[in-house]
Amino acid sequence: MRIGVAPHRLWPAREDELDDVLDLARQAEVLGFDHVFASSHVVAGDLGVTPDPLVLLSAVAGATRRIGLLTSVLILPLYNPVVLAHQASTLDRLSGGRFTLGVGTGWDAAEFAAVGVPFAGRGRRTDEHLAAVRELWHGGRLGVRPRTQGGPPLWIGGQSDAALRRALRFGDAWHGSGVDAEALAGVRDRLAALGEGEGRDPGTLELTAGLFLVPPGLTPAVQAPGRPLGGTDATAESVREELGRLAEAGLAAASLWLPVATEALPDALRWVAENVLAHFSED
């Protein structure tokens, strides 16, 4: 299983909590994480401060050499698809092919209103945008063509049937949030049932997810949405056991949000590297 991490805590309350994201990304690379990731909200809200994911990951790309770069997730219907295809293509090329575009439809109507984009019909527009982005990467007249053949990998978020069909139609991976092994098995079964109608072998679609982890000895700074990995009183053993069950259920990549205080993030990264990454690399 590939394991990544966010370079800032879950839902930072202040802009200055983002000041060390490049140092944390470099630490994640040295420690052996597979990727760093950034989420996408363009206006302030209850979820705190959220930097622009493409700008943040572009800065990380320049500060690192190996580690992957993932949007988890970018709210696709807020973007012009031609502009986004060009931005993603540029980041893919300049990062040496390290970029993965994870997308979702969004859920905050106020955010759509602030941008001047209709909230209704966002699922249909997401499908249209994905089709356009794929076509542009395969030979459209973009200012910069992607380094990765066919464009960066696409991870598609969401758990509705429409989202699963979208992942089968356009995605290299399905990207969930907070799932346990039982829920992941359910998603896999639903993808199998939907795959024939979409003309796609669901076995060719990776299963990935964002997960929440508070390492032992550290105090949560915010309440994570859903059960944390390894339980509320996680131990190294409980975290490894749950990740093992997820791997057996088909999870190929886990992206870890660490809802601890910003000043505790370096210690949290080291704990995950020593107690989780080392175990999975031995396997």
C-alpha atoms as a PDB file:
ATOM      1  CA  MET A   1       0.000   0.000   0.000  1.00  0.00           C
ATOM      2  CA  ARG A   2       1.227   3.484  -0.891  1.00  0.00           C
ATOM      3  CA  ILE A   3       0.886   5.971   1.958  1.00  0.00           C
ATOM      4  CA  GLY A   4       0.799   9.749   1.647  1.00  0.00           C
ATOM      5  CA  VAL A   5       0.269  12.652   4.024  1.00  0.00           C
ATOM      6  CA  ALA A   6      -1.009  16.226   4.005  1.00  0.00           C
ATOM      7  CA  PRO A   7       1.755  18.821   4.581  1.00  0.00           C
ATOM      8  CA  HIS A   8      -0.427  20.735   7.043  1.00  0.00           C
ATOM      9  CA  ARG A   9      -2.839  19.688   9.751  1.00  0.00           C
ATOM     10  CA  LEU A  10      -6.491  18.992   9.130  1.00  0.00           C
ATOM     11  CA  TRP A  11      -8.404  22.286   8.999  1.00  0.00           C
ATOM     12  CA  PRO A  12      -5.786  24.860  10.051  1.00  0.00           C
ATOM     13  CA  ALA A  13      -7.375  27.847  11.770  1.00  0.00           C
ATOM     14  CA  ARG A  14      -4.849  30.509  10.690  1.00  0.00           C
ATOM     15  CA  GLU A  15      -2.818  31.306   7.595  1.00  0.00           C
ATOM     16  CA  ASP A  16       0.451  31.157   9.533  1.00  0.00           C
ATOM     17  CA  GLU A  17      -0.168  27.442  10.137  1.00  0.00           C
ATOM     18  CA  LEU A  18       0.686  26.985   6.446  1.00  0.00           C
ATOM     19  CA  ASP A  19       4.080  28.677   6.661  1.00  0.00           C
ATOM     20  CA  ASP A  20       6.011  25.419   7.108  1.00  0.00           C
ATOM     21  CA  VAL A  21       4.304  23.318   4.424  1.00  0.00           C
ATOM     22  CA  LEU A  22       7.443  23.124   2.283  1.00  0.00           C
ATOM     23  CA  ASP A  23       9.576  21.993   5.223  1.00  0.00           C
ATOM     24  CA  LEU A  24       6.958  19.369   6.093  1.00  0.00           C
ATOM     25  CA  ALA A  25       6.763  18.187   2.484  1.00  0.00           C
ATOM     26  CA  ARG A  26      10.544  17.802   2.380  1.00  0.00           C
ATOM     27  CA  GLN A  27      10.407  15.888   5.677  1.00  0.00           C
ATOM     28  CA  ALA A  28       7.709  13.604   4.239  1.00  0.00           C
ATOM     29  CA  GLU A  29       9.921  12.906   1.236  1.00  0.00           C
ATOM     30  CA  VAL A  30      12.961  12.099   3.384  1.00  0.00           C
ATOM     31  CA  LEU A  31      10.862   9.816   5.589  1.00  0.00           C
ATOM     32  CA  GLY A  32       9.683   7.827   2.577  1.00  0.00           C
ATOM     33  CA  PHE A  33       6.036   8.830   2.125  1.00  0.00           C
ATOM     34  CA  ASP A  34       4.629   8.145  -1.333  1.00  0.00           C
ATOM     35  CA  HIS A  35       2.857  11.473  -1.840  1.00  0.00           C
ATOM     36  CA  VAL A  36       1.688  14.720  -0.295  1.00  0.00           C
ATOM     37  CA  PHE A  37      -1.786  16.046  -1.001  1.00  0.00           C
ATOM     38  CA  ALA A  38      -3.860  19.215  -0.807  1.00  0.00           C
ATOM     39  CA  SER A  39      -7.620  19.780  -0.668  1.00  0.00           C
ATOM     40  CA  SER A  40      -9.651  22.451  -2.440  1.00  0.00           C
ATOM     41  CA  HIS A  41     -11.867  25.221  -1.067  1.00  0.00           C
ATOM     42  CA  VAL A  42     -11.729  28.731  -2.461  1.00  0.00           C
ATOM     43  CA  VAL A  43     -13.549  30.628   0.308  1.00  0.00           C
ATOM     44  CA  ALA A  44     -13.151  30.546   4.078  1.00  0.00           C
ATOM     45  CA  GLY A  45     -15.651  28.429   5.965  1.00  0.00           C
ATOM     46  CA  ASP A  46     -16.147  26.116   8.899  1.00  0.00           C
ATOM     47  CA  LEU A  47     -13.252  23.944   7.683  1.00  0.00           C
ATOM     48  CA  GLY A  48     -10.671  26.638   8.331  1.00  0.00           C
ATOM     49  CA  VAL A  49      -7.953  27.892   6.030  1.00  0.00           C
ATOM     50  CA  THR A  50      -7.459  26.024   2.749  1.00  0.00           C
ATOM     51  CA  PRO A  51      -4.651  26.989   0.363  1.00  0.00           C
ATOM     52  CA  ASP A  52      -5.095  26.699  -3.379  1.00  0.00           C
ATOM     53  CA  PRO A  53      -4.092  23.076  -4.112  1.00  0.00           C
ATOM     54  CA  LEU A  54      -2.422  23.666  -7.482  1.00  0.00           C
ATOM     55  CA  VAL A  55      -0.351  26.561  -6.154  1.00  0.00           C
ATOM     56  CA  LEU A  56       0.620  24.635  -3.008  1.00  0.00           C
ATOM     57  CA  LEU A  57       1.592  21.507  -4.949  1.00  0.00           C
ATOM     58  CA  SER A  58       3.542  23.569  -7.490  1.00  0.00           C
ATOM     59  CA  ALA A  59       5.581  25.017  -4.634  1.00  0.00           C
ATOM     60  CA  VAL A  60       6.081  21.519  -3.195  1.00  0.00           C
ATOM     61  CA  ALA A  61       7.179  20.249  -6.614  1.00  0.00           C
ATOM     62  CA  GLY A  62       9.951  22.852  -6.679  1.00  0.00           C
ATOM     63  CA  ALA A  63      11.046  22.022  -3.126  1.00  0.00           C
ATOM     64  CA  THR A  64      11.200  18.223  -3.571  1.00  0.00           C
ATOM     65  CA  ARG A  65      12.516  15.699  -6.079  1.00  0.00           C
ATOM     66  CA  ARG A  66      10.698  12.361  -5.668  1.00  0.00           C
ATOM     67  CA  ILE A  67       7.466  12.570  -3.722  1.00  0.00           C
ATOM     68  CA  GLY A  68       4.121  12.439  -5.530  1.00  0.00           C
ATOM     69  CA  LEU A  69       1.652  15.326  -5.636  1.00  0.00           C
ATOM     70  CA  LEU A  70      -2.111  14.803  -5.287  1.00  0.00           C
ATOM     71  CA  THR A  71      -5.202  17.006  -5.121  1.00  0.00           C
ATOM     72  CA  SER A  72      -7.586  15.383  -2.624  1.00  0.00           C
ATOM     73  CA  VAL A  73      -9.857  16.613  -3.915  1.00  0.00           C
ATOM     74  CA  LEU A  74     -10.130  19.525  -6.343  1.00  0.00           C
ATOM     75  CA  ILE A  75     -13.730  20.707  -6.860  1.00  0.00           C
ATOM     76  CA  LEU A  76     -13.826  20.237 -10.606  1.00  0.00           C
ATOM     77  CA  PRO A  77     -17.041  22.094 -11.620  1.00  0.00           C
ATOM     78  CA  LEU A  78     -15.623  25.348 -10.190  1.00  0.00           C
ATOM     79  CA  TYR A  79     -12.887  25.342 -12.872  1.00  0.00           C
ATOM     80  CA  ASN A  80     -12.802  26.082 -16.573  1.00  0.00           C
ATOM     81  CA  PRO A  81     -11.790  22.691 -18.011  1.00  0.00           C
ATOM     82  CA  VAL A  82      -9.384  24.104 -20.612  1.00  0.00           C
ATOM     83  CA  VAL A  83      -7.577  26.238 -18.032  1.00  0.00           C
ATOM     84  CA  LEU A  84      -7.450  23.332 -15.572  1.00  0.00           C
ATOM     85  CA  ALA A  85      -6.181  20.896 -18.219  1.00  0.00           C
ATOM     86  CA  HIS A  86      -3.375  23.364 -18.999  1.00  0.00           C
ATOM     87  CA  GLN A  87      -2.528  23.912 -15.309  1.00  0.00           C
ATOM     88  CA  ALA A  88      -2.446  20.169 -14.616  1.00  0.00           C
ATOM     89  CA  SER A  89      -0.426  19.484 -17.746  1.00  0.00           C
ATOM     90  CA  THR A  90       2.109  22.151 -16.770  1.00  0.00           C
ATOM     91  CA  LEU A  91       2.456  20.799 -13.231  1.00  0.00           C
ATOM     92  CA  ASP A  92       2.790  17.248 -14.553  1.00  0.00           C
ATOM     93  CA  ARG A  93       5.593  18.310 -16.900  1.00  0.00           C
ATOM     94  CA  LEU A  94       7.513  20.534 -14.490  1.00  0.00           C
ATOM     95  CA  SER A  95       7.285  18.012 -11.641  1.00  0.00           C
ATOM     96  CA  GLY A  96       8.645  15.190 -13.788  1.00  0.00           C
ATOM     97  CA  GLY A  97       5.324  13.350 -13.973  1.00  0.00           C
ATOM     98  CA  ARG A  98       4.646  13.324 -10.223  1.00  0.00           C
ATOM     99  CA  PHE A  99       1.172  14.902 -10.283  1.00  0.00           C
ATOM    100  CA  THR A 100      -2.177  13.136  -9.761  1.00  0.00           C
ATOM    101  CA  LEU A 101      -5.434  15.048 -10.209  1.00  0.00           C
ATOM    102  CA  GLY A 102      -8.020  13.941  -7.652  1.00  0.00           C
ATOM    103  CA  VAL A 103     -11.432  15.525  -8.245  1.00  0.00           C
ATOM    104  CA  GLY A 104     -14.909  15.699  -6.784  1.00  0.00           C
ATOM    105  CA  THR A 105     -18.181  17.506  -7.445  1.00  0.00           C
ATOM    106  CA  GLY A 106     -18.217  19.630  -4.269  1.00  0.00           C
ATOM    107  CA  TRP A 107     -20.927  19.998  -1.653  1.00  0.00           C
ATOM    108  CA  ASP A 108     -20.937  23.649  -0.445  1.00  0.00           C
ATOM    109  CA  ALA A 109     -23.560  25.693  -2.300  1.00  0.00           C
ATOM    110  CA  ALA A 110     -22.218  28.919  -0.785  1.00  0.00           C
ATOM    111  CA  GLU A 111     -18.817  28.276  -2.366  1.00  0.00           C
ATOM    112  CA  PHE A 112     -20.386  27.836  -5.796  1.00  0.00           C
ATOM    113  CA  ALA A 113     -22.338  31.072  -5.310  1.00  0.00           C
ATOM    114  CA  ALA A 114     -19.155  32.938  -4.376  1.00  0.00           C
ATOM    115  CA  VAL A 115     -17.483  31.796  -7.597  1.00  0.00           C
ATOM    116  CA  GLY A 116     -20.581  32.455  -9.707  1.00  0.00           C
ATOM    117  CA  VAL A 117     -21.034  28.844 -10.780  1.00  0.00           C
ATOM    118  CA  PRO A 118     -24.439  27.083 -10.546  1.00  0.00           C
ATOM    119  CA  PHE A 119     -24.626  24.464  -7.808  1.00  0.00           C
ATOM    120  CA  ALA A 120     -27.362  22.509  -9.576  1.00  0.00           C
ATOM    121  CA  GLY A 121     -26.105  20.252 -12.329  1.00  0.00           C
ATOM    122  CA  ARG A 122     -22.588  20.054 -10.944  1.00  0.00           C
ATOM    123  CA  GLY A 123     -22.422  16.279 -11.449  1.00  0.00           C
ATOM    124  CA  ARG A 124     -23.257  16.572 -15.147  1.00  0.00           C
ATOM    125  CA  ARG A 125     -20.728  19.385 -15.567  1.00  0.00           C
ATOM    126  CA  THR A 126     -18.091  17.300 -13.774  1.00  0.00           C
ATOM    127  CA  ASP A 127     -18.588  14.546 -16.348  1.00  0.00           C
ATOM    128  CA  GLU A 128     -18.350  17.059 -19.184  1.00  0.00           C
ATOM    129  CA  HIS A 129     -15.206  18.621 -17.718  1.00  0.00           C
ATOM    130  CA  LEU A 130     -13.529  15.226 -17.266  1.00  0.00           C
ATOM    131  CA  ALA A 131     -14.257  14.295 -20.865  1.00  0.00           C
ATOM    132  CA  ALA A 132     -12.827  17.621 -22.026  1.00  0.00           C
ATOM    133  CA  VAL A 133      -9.712  17.340 -19.883  1.00  0.00           C
ATOM    134  CA  ARG A 134      -9.007  13.812 -21.111  1.00  0.00           C
ATOM    135  CA  GLU A 135      -9.444  14.895 -24.741  1.00  0.00           C
ATOM    136  CA  LEU A 136      -7.161  17.904 -24.284  1.00  0.00           C
ATOM    137  CA  TRP A 137      -4.439  15.784 -22.680  1.00  0.00           C
ATOM    138  CA  HIS A 138      -4.630  13.300 -25.547  1.00  0.00           C
ATOM    139  CA  GLY A 139      -3.974  15.846 -28.257  1.00  0.00           C
ATOM    140  CA  GLY A 140      -5.717  19.163 -27.661  1.00  0.00           C
ATOM    141  CA  ARG A 141      -4.064  22.490 -28.357  1.00  0.00           C
ATOM    142  CA  LEU A 142      -2.794  23.181 -24.845  1.00  0.00           C
ATOM    143  CA  GLY A 143       0.020  25.637 -24.281  1.00  0.00           C
ATOM    144  CA  VAL A 144       2.013  22.836 -22.603  1.00  0.00           C
ATOM    145  CA  ARG A 145       1.465  19.134 -23.238  1.00  0.00           C
ATOM    146  CA  PRO A 146       1.683  16.738 -20.280  1.00  0.00           C
ATOM    147  CA  ARG A 147       4.814  14.718 -19.655  1.00  0.00           C
ATOM    148  CA  THR A 148       2.748  11.669 -18.646  1.00  0.00           C
ATOM    149  CA  GLN A 149       1.294   9.934 -21.698  1.00  0.00           C
ATOM    150  CA  GLY A 150      -2.425  10.618 -21.764  1.00  0.00           C
ATOM    151  CA  GLY A 151      -2.092  13.114 -18.923  1.00  0.00           C
ATOM    152  CA  PRO A 152      -1.786  12.795 -15.138  1.00  0.00           C
ATOM    153  CA  PRO A 153      -3.696  10.018 -13.358  1.00  0.00           C
ATOM    154  CA  LEU A 154      -7.278  10.918 -12.425  1.00  0.00           C
ATOM    155  CA  TRP A 155      -8.693   9.898  -9.027  1.00  0.00           C
ATOM    156  CA  ILE A 156     -12.463  10.351  -8.799  1.00  0.00           C
ATOM    157  CA  GLY A 157     -14.108  10.999  -5.429  1.00  0.00           C
ATOM    158  CA  GLY A 158     -17.619  10.290  -4.196  1.00  0.00           C
ATOM    159  CA  GLN A 159     -19.680   7.306  -3.017  1.00  0.00           C
ATOM    160  CA  SER A 160     -22.953   7.719  -4.928  1.00  0.00           C
ATOM    161  CA  ASP A 161     -23.705   5.457  -7.875  1.00  0.00           C
ATOM    162  CA  ALA A 162     -23.174   8.457 -10.155  1.00  0.00           C
ATOM    163  CA  ALA A 163     -19.714   9.010  -8.654  1.00  0.00           C
ATOM    164  CA  LEU A 164     -18.790   5.333  -9.039  1.00  0.00           C
ATOM    165  CA  ARG A 165     -19.914   5.379 -12.666  1.00  0.00           C
ATOM    166  CA  ARG A 166     -17.832   8.525 -13.148  1.00  0.00           C
ATOM    167  CA  ALA A 167     -14.792   6.754 -11.724  1.00  0.00           C
ATOM    168  CA  LEU A 168     -15.321   3.789 -14.047  1.00  0.00           C
ATOM    169  CA  ARG A 169     -15.780   6.062 -17.054  1.00  0.00           C
ATOM    170  CA  PHE A 170     -12.908   8.476 -16.504  1.00  0.00           C
ATOM    171  CA  GLY A 171     -10.761   7.435 -13.572  1.00  0.00           C
ATOM    172  CA  ASP A 172      -7.506   5.687 -12.918  1.00  0.00           C
ATOM    173  CA  ALA A 173      -8.683   5.292  -9.296  1.00  0.00           C
ATOM    174  CA  TRP A 174     -11.717   5.729  -7.091  1.00  0.00           C
ATOM    175  CA  HIS A 175     -10.912   8.007  -4.144  1.00  0.00           C
ATOM    176  CA  GLY A 176     -12.963   7.628  -0.972  1.00  0.00           C
ATOM    177  CA  SER A 177     -12.831   9.192   2.487  1.00  0.00           C
ATOM    178  CA  GLY A 178     -12.798   7.653   5.944  1.00  0.00           C
ATOM    179  CA  VAL A 179     -13.733   4.140   4.792  1.00  0.00           C
ATOM    180  CA  ASP A 180     -13.114   0.967   6.767  1.00  0.00           C
ATOM    181  CA  ALA A 181     -12.524  -2.461   5.223  1.00  0.00           C
ATOM    182  CA  GLU A 182     -16.219  -3.380   5.244  1.00  0.00           C
ATOM    183  CA  ALA A 183     -17.245  -0.148   3.512  1.00  0.00           C
ATOM    184  CA  LEU A 184     -14.440  -0.537   0.984  1.00  0.00           C
ATOM    185  CA  ALA A 185     -15.581  -4.061   0.158  1.00  0.00           C
ATOM    186  CA  GLY A 186     -19.059  -2.652  -0.402  1.00  0.00           C
ATOM    187  CA  VAL A 187     -17.692  -0.062  -2.823  1.00  0.00           C
ATOM    188  CA  ARG A 188     -15.766  -2.774  -4.648  1.00  0.00           C
ATOM    189  CA  ASP A 189     -18.950  -4.850  -5.004  1.00  0.00           C
ATOM    190  CA  ARG A 190     -20.900  -1.851  -6.301  1.00  0.00           C
ATOM    191  CA  LEU A 191     -18.165  -1.076  -8.832  1.00  0.00           C
ATOM    192  CA  ALA A 192     -18.316  -4.689  -9.998  1.00  0.00           C
ATOM    193  CA  ALA A 193     -22.078  -4.398 -10.499  1.00  0.00           C
ATOM    194  CA  LEU A 194     -21.773  -1.095 -12.375  1.00  0.00           C
ATOM    195  CA  GLY A 195     -18.721  -1.981 -14.435  1.00  0.00           C
ATOM    196  CA  GLU A 196     -20.494  -3.931 -17.170  1.00  0.00           C
ATOM    197  CA  GLY A 197     -22.847  -1.043 -17.895  1.00  0.00           C
ATOM    198  CA  GLU A 198     -19.894   1.303 -18.270  1.00  0.00           C
ATOM    199  CA  GLY A 199     -17.860  -1.110 -20.388  1.00  0.00           C
ATOM    200  CA  ARG A 200     -15.024  -1.117 -17.871  1.00  0.00           C
ATOM    201  CA  ASP A 201     -13.373  -3.941 -15.985  1.00  0.00           C
ATOM    202  CA  PRO A 202     -13.567  -2.664 -12.368  1.00  0.00           C
ATOM    203  CA  GLY A 203     -10.422  -4.607 -11.603  1.00  0.00           C
ATOM    204  CA  THR A 204      -8.494  -2.006 -13.622  1.00  0.00           C
ATOM    205  CA  LEU A 205      -9.638   0.776 -11.282  1.00  0.00           C
ATOM    206  CA  GLU A 206      -7.508   1.318  -8.177  1.00  0.00           C
ATOM    207  CA  LEU A 207      -9.170   1.908  -4.816  1.00  0.00           C
ATOM    208  CA  THR A 208      -7.751   4.785  -2.759  1.00  0.00           C
ATOM    209  CA  ALA A 209      -8.939   6.803   0.229  1.00  0.00           C
ATOM    210  CA  GLY A 210      -8.253   9.694   2.537  1.00  0.00           C
ATOM    211  CA  LEU A 211      -8.024   8.552   6.180  1.00  0.00           C
ATOM    212  CA  PHE A 212      -7.684  10.311   9.538  1.00  0.00           C
ATOM    213  CA  LEU A 213      -5.020   9.419  12.100  1.00  0.00           C
ATOM    214  CA  VAL A 214      -4.097  10.773  15.527  1.00  0.00           C
ATOM    215  CA  PRO A 215      -0.822   9.080  16.558  1.00  0.00           C
ATOM    216  CA  PRO A 216      -0.549   7.824  20.170  1.00  0.00           C
ATOM    217  CA  GLY A 217       0.543  10.465  22.641  1.00  0.00           C
ATOM    218  CA  LEU A 218      -0.739  13.376  20.531  1.00  0.00           C
ATOM    219  CA  THR A 219      -3.914  15.347  21.157  1.00  0.00           C
ATOM    220  CA  PRO A 220      -6.435  16.075  18.387  1.00  0.00           C
ATOM    221  CA  ALA A 221      -6.642  19.749  17.453  1.00  0.00           C
ATOM    222  CA  VAL A 222     -10.014  19.212  15.736  1.00  0.00           C
ATOM    223  CA  GLN A 223     -12.594  16.477  15.628  1.00  0.00           C
ATOM    224  CA  ALA A 224     -12.017  14.375  12.522  1.00  0.00           C
ATOM    225  CA  PRO A 225     -15.106  13.624  10.408  1.00  0.00           C
ATOM    226  CA  GLY A 226     -15.625   9.974  11.204  1.00  0.00           C
ATOM    227  CA  ARG A 227     -13.763   7.260  13.059  1.00  0.00           C
ATOM    228  CA  PRO A 228      -9.985   7.765  13.160  1.00  0.00           C
ATOM    229  CA  LEU A 229      -7.690   5.082  11.790  1.00  0.00           C
ATOM    230  CA  GLY A 230      -6.863   2.536  14.479  1.00  0.00           C
ATOM    231  CA  GLY A 231      -9.669   3.744  16.751  1.00  0.00           C
ATOM    232  CA  THR A 232      -9.994   6.645  19.169  1.00  0.00           C
ATOM    233  CA  ASP A 233      -7.078   5.355  21.275  1.00  0.00           C
ATOM    234  CA  ALA A 234      -4.886   4.237  18.408  1.00  0.00           C
ATOM    235  CA  THR A 235      -1.767   2.150  18.914  1.00  0.00           C
ATOM    236  CA  ALA A 236       0.868   1.162  16.377  1.00  0.00           C
ATOM    237  CA  GLU A 237      -0.656  -2.307  16.301  1.00  0.00           C
ATOM    238  CA  SER A 238      -4.249  -1.121  15.807  1.00  0.00           C
ATOM    239  CA  VAL A 239      -3.233   1.240  12.992  1.00  0.00           C
ATOM    240  CA  ARG A 240      -1.228  -1.442  11.210  1.00  0.00           C
ATOM    241  CA  GLU A 241      -4.007  -3.999  11.661  1.00  0.00           C
ATOM    242  CA  GLU A 242      -6.641  -1.693  10.197  1.00  0.00           C
ATOM    243  CA  LEU A 243      -4.435  -0.712   7.273  1.00  0.00           C
ATOM    244  CA  GLY A 244      -3.765  -4.396   6.709  1.00  0.00           C
ATOM    245  CA  ARG A 245      -7.502  -5.115   6.565  1.00  0.00           C
ATOM    246  CA  LEU A 246      -7.949  -2.229   4.131  1.00  0.00           C
ATOM    247  CA  ALA A 247      -5.142  -3.581   1.969  1.00  0.00           C
ATOM    248  CA  GLU A 248      -6.790  -7.022   1.945  1.00  0.00           C
ATOM    249  CA  ALA A 249     -10.048  -5.351   0.901  1.00  0.00           C
ATOM    250  CA  GLY A 250      -8.244  -3.783  -2.050  1.00  0.00           C
ATOM    251  CA  LEU A 251      -7.000  -0.370  -0.910  1.00  0.00           C
ATOM    252  CA  ALA A 252      -3.973   0.575  -3.015  1.00  0.00           C
ATOM    253  CA  ALA A 253      -3.184   4.004  -1.522  1.00  0.00           C
ATOM    254  CA  ALA A 254      -3.989   5.795   1.741  1.00  0.00           C
ATOM    255  CA  SER A 255      -3.740   9.575   2.123  1.00  0.00           C
ATOM    256  CA  LEU A 256      -3.445  10.482   5.809  1.00  0.00           C
ATOM    257  CA  TRP A 257      -4.870  13.604   7.354  1.00  0.00           C
ATOM    258  CA  LEU A 258      -3.285  14.262  10.775  1.00  0.00           C
ATOM    259  CA  PRO A 259      -5.687  16.391  12.877  1.00  0.00           C
ATOM    260  CA  VAL A 260      -3.044  17.352  15.447  1.00  0.00           C
ATOM    261  CA  ALA A 261      -1.632  20.757  16.373  1.00  0.00           C
ATOM    262  CA  THR A 262       0.600  22.284  13.719  1.00  0.00           C
ATOM    263  CA  GLU A 263       3.645  22.260  15.996  1.00  0.00           C
ATOM    264  CA  ALA A 264       3.136  18.496  16.552  1.00  0.00           C
ATOM    265  CA  LEU A 265       3.157  17.595  12.854  1.00  0.00           C
ATOM    266  CA  PRO A 266       6.893  16.813  12.569  1.00  0.00           C
ATOM    267  CA  ASP A 267       6.581  14.329  15.451  1.00  0.00           C
ATOM    268  CA  ALA A 268       3.407  12.878  13.921  1.00  0.00           C
ATOM    269  CA  LEU A 269       5.147  12.327  10.579  1.00  0.00           C
ATOM    270  CA  ARG A 270       8.069  10.581  12.281  1.00  0.00           C
ATOM    271  CA  TRP A 271       5.702   8.332  14.226  1.00  0.00           C
ATOM    272  CA  VAL A 272       3.903   7.244  11.062  1.00  0.00           C
ATOM    273  CA  ALA A 273       7.211   6.639   9.276  1.00  0.00           C
ATOM    274  CA  GLU A 274       8.647   4.540  12.088  1.00  0.00           C
ATOM    275  CA  ASN A 275       5.515   2.600  13.009  1.00  0.00           C
ATOM    276  CA  VAL A 276       3.583   2.325   9.745  1.00  0.00           C
ATOM    277  CA  LEU A 277       5.759   2.991   6.700  1.00  0.00           C
ATOM    278  CA  ALA A 278       8.562   0.775   7.957  1.00  0.00           C
ATOM    279  CA  HIS A 279       6.125  -2.097   8.524  1.00  0.00           C
ATOM    280  CA  PHE A 280       4.564  -1.885   5.075  1.00  0.00           C
ATOM    281  CA  SER A 281       7.945  -1.532   3.325  1.00  0.00           C
ATOM    282  CA  GLU A 282       9.057  -4.768   5.031  1.00  0.00           C
ATOM    283  CA  ASP A 283       5.978  -6.448   3.601  1.00  0.00           C
END
